[in-house]
Amino acid sequence: MITTYLYLCIAIVAEVIATSSLKSSEGFTRLGPSLLCIIGYALAVFLLSLTLRTLPTGIAYAIWSGVGIVLVSAIGWVYYGQKLDTPALLGLSLIIAGVIVVNVFSKSIAH
């Protein structure tokens, strides 16, 4: 199970890097960020597929997308200076809470 979560964590990081570089690619007109985006997404999907050997699809995707949303929002705030107002922060907090509830309390995941 540890390997599954390691694959999932790396998939999340790869997806976050790819999504963050998407803005810098300027519509795939800049080679470096464009390659980082393509490679990051390919790696993310591949590693996510490996997690599906153990985790149910819905659970794996919920964790992947939820954590990814929070991390991409944080990068947008820190790196690109994008503003996060109180409702956005509240919503992101609820996403984090949802990921925690799924991981700690769900019987869909073999602990």
C-alpha atoms as a PDB file:
ATOM      1  CA  MET A   1       0.000   0.000   0.000  1.00  0.00           C
ATOM      2  CA  ILE A   2       2.941   2.330   0.652  1.00  0.00           C
ATOM      3  CA  THR A   3       4.073   1.971  -2.975  1.00  0.00           C
ATOM      4  CA  THR A   4       0.554   2.817  -4.157  1.00  0.00           C
ATOM      5  CA  TYR A   5       0.502   6.046  -2.168  1.00  0.00           C
ATOM      6  CA  LEU A   6       4.049   6.868  -3.317  1.00  0.00           C
ATOM      7  CA  TYR A   7       2.902   6.510  -6.946  1.00  0.00           C
ATOM      8  CA  LEU A   8      -0.124   8.659  -6.178  1.00  0.00           C
ATOM      9  CA  CYS A   9       1.994  11.373  -4.515  1.00  0.00           C
ATOM     10  CA  ILE A  10       4.423  11.489  -7.435  1.00  0.00           C
ATOM     11  CA  ALA A  11       1.473  11.568  -9.856  1.00  0.00           C
ATOM     12  CA  ILE A  12       0.046  14.543  -7.985  1.00  0.00           C
ATOM     13  CA  VAL A  13       3.372  16.392  -8.015  1.00  0.00           C
ATOM     14  CA  ALA A  14       3.823  15.678 -11.749  1.00  0.00           C
ATOM     15  CA  GLU A  15       0.306  16.937 -12.484  1.00  0.00           C
ATOM     16  CA  VAL A  16       0.828  20.074 -10.398  1.00  0.00           C
ATOM     17  CA  ILE A  17       4.117  20.829 -12.191  1.00  0.00           C
ATOM     18  CA  ALA A  18       2.461  20.223 -15.569  1.00  0.00           C
ATOM     19  CA  THR A  19      -0.530  22.412 -14.761  1.00  0.00           C
ATOM     20  CA  SER A  20       1.657  25.173 -13.346  1.00  0.00           C
ATOM     21  CA  SER A  21       3.876  25.144 -16.442  1.00  0.00           C
ATOM     22  CA  LEU A  22       0.818  25.348 -18.686  1.00  0.00           C
ATOM     23  CA  LYS A  23       0.503  29.088 -18.005  1.00  0.00           C
ATOM     24  CA  SER A  24       4.215  29.621 -18.696  1.00  0.00           C
ATOM     25  CA  SER A  25       3.962  27.717 -21.994  1.00  0.00           C
ATOM     26  CA  GLU A  26       1.928  30.649 -23.394  1.00  0.00           C
ATOM     27  CA  GLY A  27      -0.319  28.434 -25.488  1.00  0.00           C
ATOM     28  CA  PHE A  28       2.480  25.943 -26.228  1.00  0.00           C
ATOM     29  CA  THR A  29       4.554  28.648 -27.943  1.00  0.00           C
ATOM     30  CA  ARG A  30       7.491  28.295 -25.511  1.00  0.00           C
ATOM     31  CA  LEU A  31       9.389  25.005 -25.841  1.00  0.00           C
ATOM     32  CA  GLY A  32      10.684  24.468 -22.271  1.00  0.00           C
ATOM     33  CA  PRO A  33       7.416  24.952 -20.383  1.00  0.00           C
ATOM     34  CA  SER A  34       5.535  23.100 -23.137  1.00  0.00           C
ATOM     35  CA  LEU A  35       7.770  20.032 -22.817  1.00  0.00           C
ATOM     36  CA  LEU A  36       7.526  20.178 -19.016  1.00  0.00           C
ATOM     37  CA  CYS A  37       3.753  20.263 -19.340  1.00  0.00           C
ATOM     38  CA  ILE A  38       3.532  17.326 -21.748  1.00  0.00           C
ATOM     39  CA  ILE A  39       6.019  15.164 -19.839  1.00  0.00           C
ATOM     40  CA  GLY A  40       4.407  16.042 -16.502  1.00  0.00           C
ATOM     41  CA  TYR A  41       0.924  15.080 -17.657  1.00  0.00           C
ATOM     42  CA  ALA A  42       2.164  11.843 -19.238  1.00  0.00           C
ATOM     43  CA  LEU A  43       3.990  10.870 -16.048  1.00  0.00           C
ATOM     44  CA  ALA A  44       0.998  11.831 -13.897  1.00  0.00           C
ATOM     45  CA  VAL A  45      -1.462   9.717 -15.886  1.00  0.00           C
ATOM     46  CA  PHE A  46       0.936   6.766 -16.014  1.00  0.00           C
ATOM     47  CA  LEU A  47       1.522   6.827 -12.246  1.00  0.00           C
ATOM     48  CA  LEU A  48      -2.181   7.338 -11.566  1.00  0.00           C
ATOM     49  CA  SER A  49      -2.870   4.221 -13.639  1.00  0.00           C
ATOM     50  CA  LEU A  50      -0.481   2.268 -11.400  1.00  0.00           C
ATOM     51  CA  THR A  51      -2.397   3.357  -8.298  1.00  0.00           C
ATOM     52  CA  LEU A  52      -5.583   1.969  -9.815  1.00  0.00           C
ATOM     53  CA  ARG A  53      -4.200  -1.534  -9.363  1.00  0.00           C
ATOM     54  CA  THR A  54      -4.892  -1.133  -5.648  1.00  0.00           C
ATOM     55  CA  LEU A  55      -7.153   1.870  -5.031  1.00  0.00           C
ATOM     56  CA  PRO A  56     -10.685   2.180  -6.403  1.00  0.00           C
ATOM     57  CA  THR A  57     -10.819   4.600  -9.346  1.00  0.00           C
ATOM     58  CA  GLY A  58     -13.138   7.110  -7.666  1.00  0.00           C
ATOM     59  CA  ILE A  59     -11.073   7.249  -4.486  1.00  0.00           C
ATOM     60  CA  ALA A  60      -7.735   7.594  -6.312  1.00  0.00           C
ATOM     61  CA  TYR A  61      -9.101  10.279  -8.604  1.00  0.00           C
ATOM     62  CA  ALA A  62     -10.714  12.183  -5.717  1.00  0.00           C
ATOM     63  CA  ILE A  63      -7.409  12.282  -3.842  1.00  0.00           C
ATOM     64  CA  TRP A  64      -5.419  13.141  -6.994  1.00  0.00           C
ATOM     65  CA  SER A  65      -7.708  15.935  -8.123  1.00  0.00           C
ATOM     66  CA  GLY A  66      -8.418  17.317  -4.645  1.00  0.00           C
ATOM     67  CA  VAL A  67      -4.798  17.606  -3.573  1.00  0.00           C
ATOM     68  CA  GLY A  68      -3.884  18.842  -7.056  1.00  0.00           C
ATOM     69  CA  ILE A  69      -6.482  21.638  -6.878  1.00  0.00           C
ATOM     70  CA  VAL A  70      -5.172  22.819  -3.523  1.00  0.00           C
ATOM     71  CA  LEU A  71      -1.510  22.722  -4.608  1.00  0.00           C
ATOM     72  CA  VAL A  72      -2.140  24.448  -7.958  1.00  0.00           C
ATOM     73  CA  SER A  73      -4.117  27.146  -6.148  1.00  0.00           C
ATOM     74  CA  ALA A  74      -1.245  27.637  -3.693  1.00  0.00           C
ATOM     75  CA  ILE A  75       1.276  27.888  -6.546  1.00  0.00           C
ATOM     76  CA  GLY A  76      -0.962  30.368  -8.355  1.00  0.00           C
ATOM     77  CA  TRP A  77      -1.124  32.454  -5.202  1.00  0.00           C
ATOM     78  CA  VAL A  78       2.622  32.350  -4.427  1.00  0.00           C
ATOM     79  CA  TYR A  79       4.213  32.233  -7.882  1.00  0.00           C
ATOM     80  CA  TYR A  80       1.709  34.084 -10.101  1.00  0.00           C
ATOM     81  CA  GLY A  81       0.322  36.466  -7.473  1.00  0.00           C
ATOM     82  CA  GLN A  82      -3.247  35.269  -7.976  1.00  0.00           C
ATOM     83  CA  LYS A  83      -5.589  36.295  -5.182  1.00  0.00           C
ATOM     84  CA  LEU A  84      -7.496  33.847  -2.995  1.00  0.00           C
ATOM     85  CA  ASP A  85     -10.426  35.423  -1.169  1.00  0.00           C
ATOM     86  CA  THR A  86     -12.181  34.051   1.909  1.00  0.00           C
ATOM     87  CA  PRO A  87     -14.695  31.882  -0.007  1.00  0.00           C
ATOM     88  CA  ALA A  88     -11.850  30.391  -2.084  1.00  0.00           C
ATOM     89  CA  LEU A  89      -9.845  29.596   1.046  1.00  0.00           C
ATOM     90  CA  LEU A  90     -12.932  28.098   2.690  1.00  0.00           C
ATOM     91  CA  GLY A  91     -13.602  25.933  -0.362  1.00  0.00           C
ATOM     92  CA  LEU A  92      -9.990  24.762  -0.506  1.00  0.00           C
ATOM     93  CA  SER A  93     -10.170  23.923   3.205  1.00  0.00           C
ATOM     94  CA  LEU A  94     -13.245  21.797   2.541  1.00  0.00           C
ATOM     95  CA  ILE A  95     -11.390  19.954  -0.234  1.00  0.00           C
ATOM     96  CA  ILE A  96      -8.547  19.203   2.182  1.00  0.00           C
ATOM     97  CA  ALA A  97     -11.052  18.032   4.787  1.00  0.00           C
ATOM     98  CA  GLY A  98     -12.705  15.778   2.198  1.00  0.00           C
ATOM     99  CA  VAL A  99      -9.410  14.150   1.248  1.00  0.00           C
ATOM    100  CA  ILE A 100      -8.653  13.547   4.929  1.00  0.00           C
ATOM    101  CA  VAL A 101     -12.104  12.034   5.570  1.00  0.00           C
ATOM    102  CA  VAL A 102     -11.766   9.700   2.578  1.00  0.00           C
ATOM    103  CA  ASN A 103      -8.309   8.538   3.657  1.00  0.00           C
ATOM    104  CA  VAL A 104      -9.018   8.143   7.359  1.00  0.00           C
ATOM    105  CA  PHE A 105     -12.608   6.919   7.497  1.00  0.00           C
ATOM    106  CA  SER A 106     -13.524   5.330   4.160  1.00  0.00           C
ATOM    107  CA  LYS A 107     -13.907   1.563   4.124  1.00  0.00           C
ATOM    108  CA  SER A 108     -13.326   1.722   0.332  1.00  0.00           C
ATOM    109  CA  ILE A 109      -9.600   1.915   1.008  1.00  0.00           C
ATOM    110  CA  ALA A 110      -7.712  -1.021   2.478  1.00  0.00           C
ATOM    111  CA  HIS A 111      -5.732   0.521   5.342  1.00  0.00           C
END
